[in-house]
N, C-alpha and C. Protein backbone atom coordinates (compact mmCIF):
# COMPACT_ATOMS: atom_id res chain seq x y z
N MET A 1 -6.07 11.68 -15.92
CA MET A 1 -6.51 10.77 -16.40
C MET A 1 -6.57 9.88 -14.77
N PRO A 2 -7.98 9.52 -13.98
CA PRO A 2 -8.06 8.76 -12.71
C PRO A 2 -7.86 7.56 -13.45
N ILE A 3 -6.70 6.44 -12.38
CA ILE A 3 -6.49 5.21 -12.27
C ILE A 3 -7.79 4.35 -12.41
N MET A 4 -8.00 3.28 -13.08
CA MET A 4 -8.83 2.88 -12.94
C MET A 4 -8.71 1.30 -12.56
N SER A 5 -9.38 0.80 -11.29
CA SER A 5 -8.94 -0.51 -10.52
C SER A 5 -9.90 -1.89 -11.05
N LYS A 6 -9.82 -2.69 -10.89
CA LYS A 6 -10.30 -3.87 -11.40
C LYS A 6 -11.17 -4.49 -10.26
N TYR A 7 -10.75 -3.80 -8.67
CA TYR A 7 -11.48 -4.19 -7.39
C TYR A 7 -12.31 -3.20 -7.35
N SER A 8 -13.53 -3.31 -6.89
CA SER A 8 -15.01 -2.09 -6.22
C SER A 8 -14.13 -0.94 -5.53
N ARG A 9 -15.02 -0.36 -5.11
CA ARG A 9 -14.28 0.67 -4.38
C ARG A 9 -14.90 0.10 -2.87
N ALA A 10 -15.98 -0.86 -2.77
CA ALA A 10 -16.41 -1.32 -1.56
C ALA A 10 -14.99 -2.23 -0.87
N GLU A 11 -14.59 -2.99 -1.95
CA GLU A 11 -13.32 -3.71 -1.75
C GLU A 11 -12.34 -3.47 -1.15
N GLN A 12 -11.71 -2.32 -1.52
CA GLN A 12 -11.05 -1.25 -1.19
C GLN A 12 -11.22 -0.70 -0.07
N ASP A 13 -12.23 -0.03 0.47
CA ASP A 13 -12.89 0.59 1.52
C ASP A 13 -12.73 -0.46 2.87
N GLU A 14 -13.16 -2.17 2.39
CA GLU A 14 -13.03 -2.88 3.42
C GLU A 14 -12.22 -3.29 3.61
N LEU A 15 -11.27 -3.41 3.07
CA LEU A 15 -9.48 -4.10 3.61
C LEU A 15 -8.91 -2.97 3.54
N PHE A 16 -8.93 -1.72 3.30
CA PHE A 16 -8.43 -0.70 3.96
C PHE A 16 -8.85 -0.48 5.60
N GLU A 17 -10.22 -0.42 5.98
CA GLU A 17 -10.77 -0.69 7.57
C GLU A 17 -10.03 -1.51 8.35
N LYS A 18 -10.20 -2.55 7.84
CA LYS A 18 -9.44 -4.29 8.28
C LYS A 18 -8.05 -3.55 8.79
N LEU A 19 -7.40 -2.99 7.64
CA LEU A 19 -6.12 -2.97 7.97
C LEU A 19 -5.55 -1.36 9.15
N LEU A 20 -6.44 -0.58 8.89
CA LEU A 20 -6.88 0.57 9.62
C LEU A 20 -6.97 0.51 11.35
N ASN A 21 -7.87 -0.69 11.15
CA ASN A 21 -8.38 -1.07 12.47
C ASN A 21 -7.42 -1.29 13.32
N ALA A 22 -6.45 -2.47 12.24
CA ALA A 22 -5.33 -3.41 13.02
C ALA A 22 -4.30 -2.32 13.66
N LEU A 23 -4.26 -1.49 13.37
CA LEU A 23 -2.99 -0.03 13.17
C LEU A 23 -3.76 1.43 14.47
N THR A 24 -5.25 1.15 14.02
CA THR A 24 -5.20 1.90 15.57
C THR A 24 -5.99 1.47 16.69
N GLU A 25 -6.07 0.38 16.87
CA GLU A 25 -6.23 -0.48 18.03
C GLU A 25 -5.40 -0.63 19.23
N THR A 26 -4.47 -0.64 18.61
CA THR A 26 -3.52 0.04 19.94
C THR A 26 -2.63 1.11 19.76
N ASP A 27 -2.84 1.73 19.04
CA ASP A 27 -2.09 3.04 19.16
C ASP A 27 -0.57 3.06 18.30
N VAL A 28 -0.26 2.72 17.38
CA VAL A 28 0.69 1.89 16.93
C VAL A 28 1.31 3.40 16.32
N PRO A 29 2.82 3.56 16.85
CA PRO A 29 3.37 4.86 16.24
C PRO A 29 3.56 4.68 14.86
N ALA A 30 3.93 6.06 14.47
CA ALA A 30 3.83 5.93 12.87
C ALA A 30 4.93 5.51 12.46
N ASP A 31 6.32 5.68 12.94
CA ASP A 31 6.95 4.78 12.35
C ASP A 31 7.36 3.47 12.12
N LEU A 32 6.42 2.73 13.27
CA LEU A 32 6.23 1.65 13.32
C LEU A 32 5.35 0.68 12.13
N ALA A 33 4.16 1.38 12.19
CA ALA A 33 3.10 1.12 11.03
C ALA A 33 3.57 1.40 9.85
N LEU A 34 4.57 2.39 9.83
CA LEU A 34 5.23 2.41 8.01
C LEU A 34 6.09 1.19 7.81
N MET A 35 7.07 0.86 8.81
CA MET A 35 8.15 0.05 8.67
C MET A 35 6.86 -1.96 8.39
N THR A 36 5.97 -1.92 9.24
CA THR A 36 5.23 -2.96 9.19
C THR A 36 4.21 -2.82 7.95
N LEU A 37 4.04 -1.86 7.56
CA LEU A 37 3.55 -1.86 6.29
C LEU A 37 4.86 -1.84 5.02
N GLY A 38 5.80 -1.36 5.18
CA GLY A 38 6.57 -1.96 4.27
C GLY A 38 7.18 -3.24 4.34
N ASN A 39 6.86 -3.68 5.33
CA ASN A 39 7.21 -5.65 5.24
C ASN A 39 5.90 -5.67 4.70
N LEU A 40 4.53 -5.54 5.02
CA LEU A 40 3.81 -6.28 3.71
C LEU A 40 3.90 -6.26 2.51
N VAL A 41 4.16 -4.98 2.27
CA VAL A 41 4.08 -4.86 0.67
C VAL A 41 5.66 -5.89 0.07
N THR A 42 6.38 -5.69 1.02
CA THR A 42 7.58 -6.33 0.43
C THR A 42 7.39 -7.79 0.39
N TYR A 43 6.35 -8.46 1.62
CA TYR A 43 6.13 -9.59 1.75
C TYR A 43 4.72 -10.10 0.85
N VAL A 44 4.01 -9.17 0.06
CA VAL A 44 2.81 -9.43 -0.89
C VAL A 44 3.80 -9.18 -2.30
N LEU A 45 5.20 -8.54 -2.33
CA LEU A 45 4.92 -8.65 -3.90
C LEU A 45 6.24 -10.03 -3.95
N ASN A 46 6.59 -10.79 -3.04
CA ASN A 46 8.02 -11.32 -2.81
C ASN A 46 6.78 -12.87 -3.14
N GLN A 47 5.68 -12.62 -2.56
CA GLN A 47 4.45 -13.90 -2.87
C GLN A 47 3.43 -14.05 -3.80
N GLN A 48 3.22 -12.93 -4.54
CA GLN A 48 2.46 -13.01 -5.45
C GLN A 48 3.01 -12.24 -7.09
N ALA A 49 4.17 -11.77 -7.14
CA ALA A 49 4.85 -11.00 -8.01
C ALA A 49 5.84 -12.29 -8.56
N SER A 50 6.34 -12.53 -10.22
CA SER A 50 7.44 -13.09 -10.64
C SER A 50 8.26 -12.34 -10.35
N PRO A 51 9.74 -13.22 -9.69
CA PRO A 51 11.03 -12.73 -9.80
C PRO A 51 11.20 -11.45 -10.45
N SER A 52 10.68 -11.32 -11.97
CA SER A 52 11.08 -10.93 -13.27
C SER A 52 10.47 -9.20 -12.81
N ARG A 53 8.92 -9.49 -12.29
CA ARG A 53 8.05 -8.14 -12.44
C ARG A 53 7.99 -7.74 -11.08
N ARG A 54 8.80 -8.05 -9.98
CA ARG A 54 8.95 -7.11 -8.78
C ARG A 54 9.82 -5.97 -8.55
N GLU A 55 10.74 -5.57 -9.36
CA GLU A 55 11.50 -4.31 -8.82
C GLU A 55 10.63 -3.26 -9.60
N ALA A 56 9.78 -4.03 -10.82
CA ALA A 56 9.28 -3.01 -11.48
C ALA A 56 7.90 -2.26 -11.05
N LEU A 57 7.47 -3.24 -10.55
CA LEU A 57 6.26 -3.45 -9.36
C LEU A 57 6.53 -2.43 -7.93
N ALA A 58 7.71 -2.54 -7.47
CA ALA A 58 7.51 -1.48 -6.63
C ALA A 58 8.28 -0.42 -6.89
N ARG A 59 9.01 -0.27 -7.99
CA ARG A 59 9.13 1.09 -8.31
C ARG A 59 7.92 1.91 -8.88
N GLN A 60 6.69 1.00 -9.29
CA GLN A 60 5.56 1.99 -10.00
C GLN A 60 5.05 2.05 -8.57
N PHE A 61 4.77 0.85 -7.27
CA PHE A 61 4.26 1.45 -6.04
C PHE A 61 5.28 2.54 -5.14
N GLY A 62 6.06 2.61 -5.68
CA GLY A 62 6.81 3.89 -5.23
C GLY A 62 6.47 5.27 -5.61
N ALA A 63 6.44 5.60 -6.89
CA ALA A 63 6.04 6.70 -7.65
C ALA A 63 4.90 7.18 -7.26
N ILE A 64 3.45 6.10 -7.26
CA ILE A 64 2.60 6.58 -7.26
C ILE A 64 2.04 6.71 -5.71
N LEU A 65 3.14 5.97 -4.58
CA LEU A 65 3.45 6.95 -3.14
C LEU A 65 3.52 7.89 -3.02
N LEU A 66 4.64 8.55 -3.94
CA LEU A 66 5.08 9.61 -3.38
C LEU A 66 3.90 10.77 -4.00
N GLN A 67 3.89 10.28 -5.59
CA GLN A 67 2.38 11.29 -5.67
C GLN A 67 1.37 11.42 -4.99
N SER A 68 1.04 9.99 -4.43
CA SER A 68 0.27 10.84 -3.63
C SER A 68 -0.16 11.49 -2.07
N VAL A 69 1.44 12.01 -2.10
CA VAL A 69 1.54 12.51 -0.44
C VAL A 69 2.41 14.00 -1.22
N GLN A 70 2.28 14.08 -2.45
CA GLN A 70 2.67 15.66 -2.63
C GLN A 70 1.75 16.60 -2.43
N THR A 71 2.12 17.82 -1.89
CA THR A 71 1.17 18.36 -1.41
C THR A 71 0.67 19.40 -3.14
N LYS A 72 -0.18 19.74 -3.79
CA LYS A 72 -0.42 20.37 -4.29
C LYS A 72 -0.41 22.47 -4.07
N GLN A 73 0.51 22.92 -5.27
CA GLN A 73 0.60 24.18 -5.27
C GLN A 73 -0.19 25.32 -5.71
């Protein structure tokens, strides 16, 4: 079953484009981009999630990330 979001596709696409542009304007290497995005995820969790929910959200985020990159056989 697809995951339903409370955000529109247009809202997601707009933010994605802004972040992608920031990473591609200066040809950022993959390792630097991933490190920086990881820092951004940590920042968002620390600023917007309650301390009691941070670990669960981080685990959920990690699981979804792994699912999204797994190759279908």
